Amino acid sequence: MNVFFRDFFSDPVLFLSFGILGVVIALCIFYVYYFVKKVQEAEVPN
């Protein structure tokens, strides 16, 4: 397990790919939260 962390921080391709993947997942979670919040706060027209 120690070898994985050493390679993770020394290899920029591996580090950036996981970093960008983390950013994409964080954006997806944010937009799901934002959409659900807006739907719950929406007023229904008569």
Protein backbone atom coordinates (compact mmCIF):
# COMPACT_ATOMS: atom_id res chain seq x y z
CA MET A 1 0.00 0.00 0.00
CA ASN A 2 2.92 2.32 0.72
CA VAL A 3 4.20 1.80 -2.83
CA PHE A 4 0.86 2.98 -4.26
CA PHE A 5 1.00 6.28 -2.37
CA ARG A 6 4.64 6.82 -3.35
CA ASP A 7 3.80 6.24 -7.02
CA PHE A 8 0.63 8.32 -6.73
CA PHE A 9 2.46 11.44 -5.55
CA SER A 10 5.48 10.98 -7.81
CA ASP A 11 3.63 10.31 -11.07
CA PRO A 12 1.96 13.50 -12.36
CA VAL A 13 -0.26 11.65 -14.86
CA LEU A 14 -1.74 9.44 -12.14
CA PHE A 15 -2.05 12.37 -9.72
CA LEU A 16 -3.76 14.66 -12.25
CA SER A 17 -6.10 11.97 -13.57
CA PHE A 18 -7.41 11.21 -10.08
CA GLY A 19 -7.51 14.92 -9.30
CA ILE A 20 -9.55 15.77 -12.38
CA LEU A 21 -11.81 12.78 -11.74
CA GLY A 22 -12.39 14.09 -8.22
CA VAL A 23 -13.27 17.54 -9.56
CA VAL A 24 -15.73 16.05 -12.07
CA ILE A 25 -17.42 13.95 -9.39
CA ALA A 26 -17.61 16.96 -7.07
CA LEU A 27 -19.25 19.03 -9.84
CA CYS A 28 -21.76 16.26 -10.52
CA ILE A 29 -22.67 16.08 -6.83
CA PHE A 30 -23.02 19.86 -6.66
CA TYR A 31 -25.33 20.04 -9.69
CA VAL A 32 -27.51 17.20 -8.38
CA TYR A 33 -27.84 19.07 -5.07
CA TYR A 34 -28.53 22.37 -6.89
CA PHE A 35 -31.18 20.80 -9.14
CA VAL A 36 -32.97 19.06 -6.26
CA LYS A 37 -32.91 22.26 -4.19
CA LYS A 38 -34.37 24.34 -7.05
CA VAL A 39 -37.09 21.76 -7.72
CA GLN A 40 -38.13 21.72 -4.06
CA GLU A 41 -38.23 25.54 -3.87
CA ALA A 42 -40.13 25.97 -7.14
CA GLU A 43 -43.64 27.40 -7.00
CA VAL A 44 -46.36 25.54 -8.84
CA PRO A 45 -48.31 27.85 -11.20
CA ASN A 46 -52.10 27.76 -10.88
